[in-house]
Amino acid sequence: MNILFQLGHPAHFHLFRNTITNLNRDGHQTYILIKKKDILEDLLKEAGLPYVNILPSGKKSKLSLLLRLWRVFWFTLRHHVDVLVGSTPEVAQIGWLLRRRSMIMAEDDASVVPQFIKAVRPFVDAYLSPITCDNGALESKTTHYAGFHKLAYLHPAQFIPDPNVVDRYFPHQEPYFLLRFAQLNAYHDVSAHAKGFDKEIALRLIERLLPYGKVFITSERPLESELEQYRLNINPLDIHHVMFFAKLYIGDSQSMAVEAAMLGTPSLRFNDFAGKIGVLEELEHKYELTCGIPSSDPQRLFAKVDELLVMSDLHEVFQRRRKRMLSDKIDVTAFFTWFIENYPESQRIMRENPDYQFGFK
């Protein structure tokens, strides 16, 4: 088959990278379309994956949306695409218009992304999301699976943390903390008026952490001069190795909070989505791998940090919790590969026998 992947965010690179590799291995022709977004192009270049940037400016406007639709339309026609896959509305809309199969992989609840649900509901053929997600009006088209997006690249079958990678930048055995400051301008962030770290809270947090180890910041947004000294400059493909060996992850990014949880790194997220996202709620309350704290309560954040800092067996406790989580979940990349290659039969199988997925462990 000719299979088109549309990536709108660096997270989509990680989500689909191994699936694309598997499909290429199996003899399919894959294509990648992107728009400019943060380090997305850097990741693709580092990984050696060919791609076409259909929106190099990255600007958001009604015109840019029309341009993306038009360019996906013509690319699909010109390359005789059979299946469109991704986490963007264009995948569903162009698939429907050209009568090509379309699959959306998403893990935000309908209540968090109502406009996205409206944009894809009439058009998408298959909508895949974790079992914890409530997709509202899209449930009739949803195939739920026992996993998380981040397990597509952080499941032990897909990723092995390497201390030698960390040692290229600093000694992995010396304690350090990883902080993440997101831009908070994605559609779900803007619609929820999401807030996270400001400079004052960040500095107070760093002051607490420094007696226990080094502090490194990875940031989508510009950093104030007082914070710039902590910026982490590494190959973006190495971030998950660094994350695994960190003593704590703390940030206002949902994505990296989930990634840390997948790796068994204690994870604190400080933003206004605390208590609102099914995936994170499961990771917090069932597996105790993360903790969400609203931006209105920095004192609770500091108290939780203090609690974790004094745990002598912190790493061992969280690795046991990770092991329990993994025992319940599947290898998402193996599942995605099978689902795409065997659709629509794979959709029928999952509806009739959802436990079939547990063959992908």
Protein backbone atom coordinates (compact mmCIF):
# COMPACT_ATOMS: atom_id res chain seq x y z
CA MET A 1 0.00 0.00 0.00
CA ASN A 2 0.87 3.67 -0.30
CA ILE A 3 0.42 5.11 3.20
CA LEU A 4 0.50 8.82 4.06
CA PHE A 5 1.33 10.04 7.57
CA GLN A 6 0.60 13.65 8.43
CA LEU A 7 2.53 14.96 11.44
CA GLY A 8 1.52 18.23 13.08
CA HIS A 9 3.64 18.11 16.23
CA PRO A 10 6.97 16.63 17.43
CA ALA A 11 4.93 14.17 19.51
CA HIS A 12 3.55 12.72 16.26
CA PHE A 13 7.08 11.96 15.07
CA HIS A 14 7.64 9.80 18.14
CA LEU A 15 4.16 8.28 17.91
CA PHE A 16 4.51 7.06 14.32
CA ARG A 17 8.25 6.68 13.77
CA ASN A 18 8.49 2.98 14.62
CA THR A 19 5.23 2.14 12.86
CA ILE A 20 6.55 3.82 9.69
CA THR A 21 9.76 1.78 10.00
CA ASN A 22 7.75 -1.43 10.33
CA LEU A 23 5.57 -0.61 7.34
CA ASN A 24 8.62 0.17 5.19
CA ARG A 25 10.14 -3.12 6.32
CA ASP A 26 6.99 -4.94 5.21
CA GLY A 27 7.22 -3.50 1.70
CA HIS A 28 4.76 -0.61 1.86
CA GLN A 29 5.52 2.87 0.55
CA THR A 30 5.18 5.52 3.24
CA TYR A 31 5.08 9.30 2.89
CA ILE A 32 5.37 11.93 5.60
CA LEU A 33 3.81 15.39 5.40
CA ILE A 34 4.47 17.99 8.08
CA LYS A 35 4.02 21.62 8.98
CA LYS A 36 6.62 23.70 10.81
CA LYS A 37 6.27 23.05 14.53
CA ASP A 38 8.97 23.39 17.18
CA ILE A 39 11.67 20.72 16.62
CA LEU A 40 9.63 18.45 14.32
CA GLU A 41 11.89 18.94 11.28
CA ASP A 42 15.01 18.49 13.39
CA LEU A 43 13.74 15.14 14.63
CA LEU A 44 12.97 13.91 11.11
CA LYS A 45 16.36 15.02 9.82
CA GLU A 46 18.19 13.36 12.72
CA ALA A 47 16.25 10.15 12.12
CA GLY A 48 16.94 10.24 8.37
CA LEU A 49 13.24 10.06 7.48
CA PRO A 50 12.27 11.82 4.22
CA TYR A 51 9.37 14.26 4.48
CA VAL A 52 7.60 17.12 2.72
CA ASN A 53 6.87 20.35 4.60
CA ILE A 54 3.53 21.60 3.31
CA LEU A 55 3.47 24.66 5.59
CA PRO A 56 7.01 25.96 6.17
CA SER A 57 5.80 29.16 7.85
CA GLY A 58 3.99 27.30 10.62
CA LYS A 59 1.59 30.23 10.98
CA LYS A 60 -1.97 29.57 12.14
CA SER A 61 -4.75 31.19 10.09
CA LYS A 62 -7.76 30.28 7.98
CA LEU A 63 -5.55 30.60 4.91
CA SER A 64 -2.94 28.20 6.32
CA LEU A 65 -5.68 25.65 7.04
CA LEU A 66 -6.89 25.88 3.44
CA LEU A 67 -3.33 25.55 2.17
CA ARG A 68 -2.79 22.41 4.22
CA LEU A 69 -6.01 20.88 2.93
CA TRP A 70 -5.16 21.74 -0.66
CA ARG A 71 -1.61 20.37 -0.43
CA VAL A 72 -2.68 17.14 1.30
CA PHE A 73 -5.38 16.74 -1.38
CA TRP A 74 -2.94 17.02 -4.29
CA PHE A 75 -0.24 14.94 -2.62
CA THR A 76 -2.76 12.15 -2.00
CA LEU A 77 -3.85 12.22 -5.63
CA ARG A 78 -0.37 12.52 -7.12
CA HIS A 79 1.10 9.64 -5.08
CA HIS A 80 -1.96 7.37 -5.29
CA VAL A 81 -2.23 7.16 -1.51
CA ASP A 82 -4.37 4.26 -0.25
CA VAL A 83 -4.47 5.11 3.48
CA LEU A 84 -4.08 8.40 5.36
CA VAL A 85 -2.91 8.18 8.98
CA GLY A 86 -2.28 10.83 11.60
CA SER A 87 -3.66 13.02 14.35
CA THR A 88 -4.81 15.98 12.22
CA PRO A 89 -8.26 16.81 10.79
CA GLU A 90 -6.94 16.86 7.21
CA VAL A 91 -6.30 13.11 7.36
CA ALA A 92 -10.01 12.44 7.85
CA GLN A 93 -11.32 15.20 5.62
CA ILE A 94 -9.16 14.46 2.57
CA GLY A 95 -9.61 10.73 3.06
CA TRP A 96 -13.39 11.16 2.91
CA LEU A 97 -13.25 13.53 -0.06
CA LEU A 98 -11.08 11.20 -2.15
CA ARG A 99 -12.66 7.99 -0.84
CA ARG A 100 -9.40 6.79 0.70
CA ARG A 101 -9.19 5.04 4.07
CA SER A 102 -8.39 7.33 6.99
CA MET A 103 -7.23 6.59 10.53
CA ILE A 104 -6.84 9.04 13.40
CA MET A 105 -4.78 8.14 16.46
CA ALA A 106 -5.65 10.43 19.40
CA GLU A 107 -5.64 10.35 23.19
CA ASP A 108 -7.36 13.57 24.28
CA ASP A 109 -10.88 13.21 25.66
CA ALA A 110 -13.70 14.78 23.65
CA SER A 111 -14.31 17.29 26.44
CA VAL A 112 -10.74 18.59 26.04
CA VAL A 113 -10.78 18.84 22.21
CA PRO A 114 -14.44 19.38 21.21
CA GLN A 115 -13.60 21.30 18.02
CA PHE A 116 -11.25 18.54 16.85
CA ILE A 117 -13.97 15.94 17.39
CA LYS A 118 -16.42 18.01 15.33
CA ALA A 119 -13.84 18.43 12.56
CA VAL A 120 -13.18 14.69 12.10
CA ARG A 121 -16.40 12.96 13.20
CA PRO A 122 -18.27 12.97 9.85
CA PHE A 123 -15.22 11.94 7.86
CA VAL A 124 -12.88 9.53 9.65
CA ASP A 125 -13.07 5.77 9.06
CA ALA A 126 -11.19 4.54 12.14
CA TYR A 127 -10.43 6.42 15.36
CA LEU A 128 -7.93 4.73 17.69
CA SER A 129 -7.44 5.79 21.30
CA PRO A 130 -6.53 4.34 24.72
CA ILE A 131 -9.23 2.60 26.73
CA THR A 132 -9.32 5.48 29.22
CA CYS A 133 -10.42 8.03 26.58
CA ASP A 134 -14.00 9.23 26.28
CA ASN A 135 -14.46 10.23 22.66
CA GLY A 136 -18.07 11.33 23.01
CA ALA A 137 -19.85 11.37 19.66
CA LEU A 138 -16.94 9.51 18.05
CA GLU A 139 -17.26 6.40 20.20
CA SER A 140 -19.08 4.54 17.41
CA LYS A 141 -15.97 4.84 15.22
CA THR A 142 -13.47 4.27 18.02
CA THR A 143 -11.23 1.26 18.51
CA HIS A 144 -9.97 1.38 22.09
CA TYR A 145 -6.66 -0.26 22.94
CA ALA A 146 -4.82 -1.03 26.18
CA GLY A 147 -1.95 1.38 25.86
CA PHE A 148 -0.84 4.98 25.55
CA HIS A 149 0.54 7.00 22.65
CA LYS A 150 3.88 7.20 24.39
CA LEU A 151 4.16 3.42 24.62
CA ALA A 152 4.46 3.44 20.81
CA TYR A 153 8.07 4.50 21.37
CA LEU A 154 8.77 3.96 25.08
CA HIS A 155 7.55 0.38 25.49
CA PRO A 156 10.53 -1.86 26.37
CA ALA A 157 10.17 -3.56 22.98
CA GLN A 158 10.79 -0.19 21.32
CA PHE A 159 13.19 1.64 23.65
CA ILE A 160 16.07 0.70 25.95
CA PRO A 161 17.52 3.56 28.03
CA ASP A 162 21.26 3.92 27.49
CA PRO A 163 23.42 5.57 30.18
CA ASN A 164 26.18 6.09 27.61
CA VAL A 165 23.93 8.50 25.71
CA VAL A 166 23.49 10.62 28.84
CA ASP A 167 27.20 10.49 29.56
CA ARG A 168 27.83 12.41 26.32
CA TYR A 169 26.37 15.44 28.08
CA PHE A 170 26.92 14.88 31.82
CA PRO A 171 27.44 11.91 34.19
CA HIS A 172 24.20 9.92 34.34
CA GLN A 173 24.89 8.63 37.86
CA GLU A 174 24.99 12.13 39.39
CA PRO A 175 21.50 13.29 40.49
CA TYR A 176 19.73 15.74 38.21
CA PHE A 177 16.23 17.05 37.55
CA LEU A 178 14.50 17.63 34.21
CA LEU A 179 12.12 20.58 33.87
CA ARG A 180 9.90 21.24 30.84
CA PHE A 181 8.19 24.52 29.98
CA ALA A 182 5.65 24.18 27.17
CA GLN A 183 4.40 26.94 24.89
CA LEU A 184 0.78 26.20 25.91
CA ASN A 185 -0.57 27.47 22.60
CA ALA A 186 -1.99 24.25 21.16
CA TYR A 187 -5.72 24.23 20.41
CA HIS A 188 -6.55 22.38 23.64
CA ASP A 189 -4.34 24.74 25.67
CA VAL A 190 -5.86 27.90 24.20
CA SER A 191 -9.45 26.70 24.50
CA ALA A 192 -8.89 25.83 28.16
CA HIS A 193 -6.97 29.06 28.90
CA ALA A 194 -4.22 26.81 30.22
CA LYS A 195 -1.53 28.21 32.49
CA GLY A 196 1.66 26.68 33.82
CA PHE A 197 5.00 27.88 35.17
CA ASP A 198 5.89 31.54 35.34
CA LYS A 199 9.39 32.84 36.11
CA GLU A 200 8.83 33.34 39.83
CA ILE A 201 7.49 29.84 40.46
CA ALA A 202 10.21 28.31 38.29
CA LEU A 203 12.95 30.07 40.25
CA ARG A 204 11.45 29.03 43.58
CA LEU A 205 11.31 25.44 42.36
CA ILE A 206 14.92 25.48 41.16
CA GLU A 207 16.03 26.88 44.51
CA ARG A 208 14.44 23.83 46.17
CA LEU A 209 16.04 21.36 43.77
CA LEU A 210 19.63 22.59 43.55
CA PRO A 211 20.75 21.23 46.97
CA TYR A 212 19.83 17.75 45.69
CA GLY A 213 21.31 17.84 42.18
CA LYS A 214 21.70 19.68 38.90
CA VAL A 215 18.74 21.25 37.12
CA PHE A 216 18.18 21.12 33.37
CA ILE A 217 15.39 22.87 31.47
CA THR A 218 13.98 21.97 28.09
CA SER A 219 11.63 24.66 26.82
CA GLU A 220 9.36 25.39 23.86
CA ARG A 221 9.07 29.04 24.87
CA PRO A 222 11.81 31.66 25.29
CA LEU A 223 13.48 31.56 28.69
CA GLU A 224 14.13 34.56 30.90
CA SER A 225 17.79 35.38 31.47
CA GLU A 226 17.68 33.94 35.00
CA LEU A 227 16.53 30.58 33.61
CA GLU A 228 18.59 30.43 30.43
CA GLN A 229 21.65 29.12 32.31
CA TYR A 230 19.77 25.88 32.99
CA ARG A 231 18.75 25.22 29.37
CA LEU A 232 19.53 21.70 28.17
CA ASN A 233 21.14 21.62 24.72
CA ILE A 234 21.19 18.08 23.37
CA ASN A 235 20.24 16.08 20.29
CA PRO A 236 16.42 15.94 20.53
CA LEU A 237 16.49 12.20 19.85
CA ASP A 238 18.38 11.70 23.14
CA ILE A 239 15.81 13.31 25.44
CA HIS A 240 14.20 10.06 26.58
CA HIS A 241 17.52 8.60 27.70
CA VAL A 242 18.07 11.75 29.76
CA MET A 243 14.52 11.54 31.10
CA PHE A 244 14.88 7.94 32.26
CA PHE A 245 17.90 8.66 34.48
CA ALA A 246 16.49 11.92 35.90
CA LYS A 247 15.61 11.95 39.59
CA LEU A 248 12.38 13.87 38.87
CA TYR A 249 10.52 15.28 35.88
CA ILE A 250 8.56 18.48 36.56
CA GLY A 251 6.80 20.55 33.93
CA ASP A 252 3.66 22.08 32.45
CA SER A 253 3.64 19.74 29.43
CA GLN A 254 1.18 16.86 29.47
CA SER A 255 3.12 14.99 26.79
CA MET A 256 6.40 14.85 28.68
CA ALA A 257 4.62 14.07 31.94
CA VAL A 258 3.20 10.94 30.29
CA GLU A 259 6.60 10.09 28.78
CA ALA A 260 8.22 10.26 32.21
CA ALA A 261 5.49 8.02 33.61
CA MET A 262 6.09 5.48 30.80
CA LEU A 263 9.74 5.34 31.87
CA GLY A 264 9.06 5.14 35.60
CA THR A 265 10.56 8.57 36.28
CA PRO A 266 8.60 10.41 39.01
CA SER A 267 6.46 12.90 37.12
CA LEU A 268 4.85 16.15 38.31
CA ARG A 269 2.77 18.29 35.97
CA PHE A 270 1.81 21.82 36.90
CA ASN A 271 -0.98 23.15 34.70
CA ASP A 272 -4.73 23.56 34.46
CA PHE A 273 -5.44 20.14 32.95
CA ALA A 274 -4.99 18.44 36.30
CA GLY A 275 -7.95 16.11 36.82
CA LYS A 276 -9.29 16.52 33.27
CA ILE A 277 -7.49 14.03 30.99
CA GLY A 278 -8.33 10.33 31.15
CA VAL A 279 -4.86 9.04 30.26
CA LEU A 280 -3.19 11.10 32.97
CA GLU A 281 -5.90 10.28 35.47
CA GLU A 282 -5.24 6.56 35.01
CA LEU A 283 -1.50 7.05 35.32
CA GLU A 284 -1.99 9.11 38.47
CA HIS A 285 -4.68 7.25 40.35
CA LYS A 286 -4.28 3.64 39.17
CA TYR A 287 -0.52 3.43 38.73
CA GLU A 288 0.72 6.39 40.87
CA LEU A 289 3.30 7.34 38.24
CA THR A 290 2.43 11.02 37.94
CA CYS A 291 0.73 13.79 39.87
CA GLY A 292 -1.24 16.72 38.47
CA ILE A 293 -1.32 20.03 40.33
CA PRO A 294 -3.30 23.08 39.13
CA SER A 295 -1.35 26.27 38.42
CA SER A 296 -3.31 28.05 41.14
CA ASP A 297 -1.66 25.93 43.87
CA PRO A 298 2.15 26.29 43.72
CA GLN A 299 2.45 25.49 47.45
CA ARG A 300 1.07 22.03 46.78
CA LEU A 301 3.66 21.60 44.04
CA PHE A 302 6.50 22.54 46.40
CA ALA A 303 5.14 20.22 49.09
CA LYS A 304 4.99 17.29 46.64
CA VAL A 305 8.53 17.99 45.45
CA ASP A 306 9.75 18.02 49.07
CA GLU A 307 7.97 14.72 49.72
CA LEU A 308 9.65 13.01 46.76
CA LEU A 309 13.10 14.45 47.41
CA VAL A 310 13.42 12.71 50.77
CA MET A 311 12.38 9.25 49.50
CA SER A 312 15.53 7.12 49.68
CA ASP A 313 14.07 4.40 47.41
CA LEU A 314 12.35 6.75 44.95
CA HIS A 315 13.71 5.12 41.78
CA GLU A 316 12.94 1.57 42.91
CA VAL A 317 9.36 2.46 43.94
CA PHE A 318 8.54 4.09 40.62
CA GLN A 319 10.16 1.31 38.59
CA ARG A 320 7.92 -1.21 40.37
CA ARG A 321 4.91 0.93 39.53
CA ARG A 322 6.05 1.14 35.90
CA LYS A 323 6.39 -2.65 35.75
CA ARG A 324 2.81 -3.04 36.99
CA MET A 325 1.55 -0.58 34.37
CA LEU A 326 3.41 -2.36 31.56
CA SER A 327 1.94 -5.71 32.59
CA ASP A 328 -1.51 -4.33 31.75
CA LYS A 329 -0.57 -2.71 28.44
CA ILE A 330 0.37 -3.71 24.89
CA ASP A 331 3.18 -2.84 22.48
CA VAL A 332 1.33 -0.02 20.72
CA THR A 333 3.63 0.08 17.68
CA ALA A 334 3.11 -3.62 16.98
CA PHE A 335 -0.64 -3.09 17.35
CA PHE A 336 -0.72 -0.03 15.05
CA THR A 337 1.30 -1.86 12.39
CA TRP A 338 -1.10 -4.80 12.41
CA PHE A 339 -4.18 -2.56 12.45
CA ILE A 340 -3.07 -0.48 9.44
CA GLU A 341 -1.90 -3.46 7.38
CA ASN A 342 -5.08 -5.45 7.98
CA TYR A 343 -7.76 -2.72 7.97
CA PRO A 344 -10.78 -3.03 7.76
CA GLU A 345 -10.55 -6.66 8.92
CA SER A 346 -8.53 -5.50 11.95
CA GLN A 347 -11.33 -3.16 12.99
CA ARG A 348 -13.86 -5.98 12.77
CA ILE A 349 -11.63 -8.30 14.81
CA MET A 350 -11.21 -5.70 17.56
CA ARG A 351 -14.96 -5.10 17.76
CA GLU A 352 -15.73 -8.78 18.04
CA ASN A 353 -12.79 -9.77 20.23
CA PRO A 354 -11.03 -6.81 21.95
CA ASP A 355 -8.72 -9.21 23.79
CA TYR A 356 -7.06 -10.02 20.46
CA GLN A 357 -4.82 -6.99 21.09
CA PHE A 358 -3.10 -8.72 24.01
CA GLY A 359 -1.22 -10.80 21.48
CA PHE A 360 0.86 -7.65 20.97
CA LYS A 361 2.83 -7.72 24.24
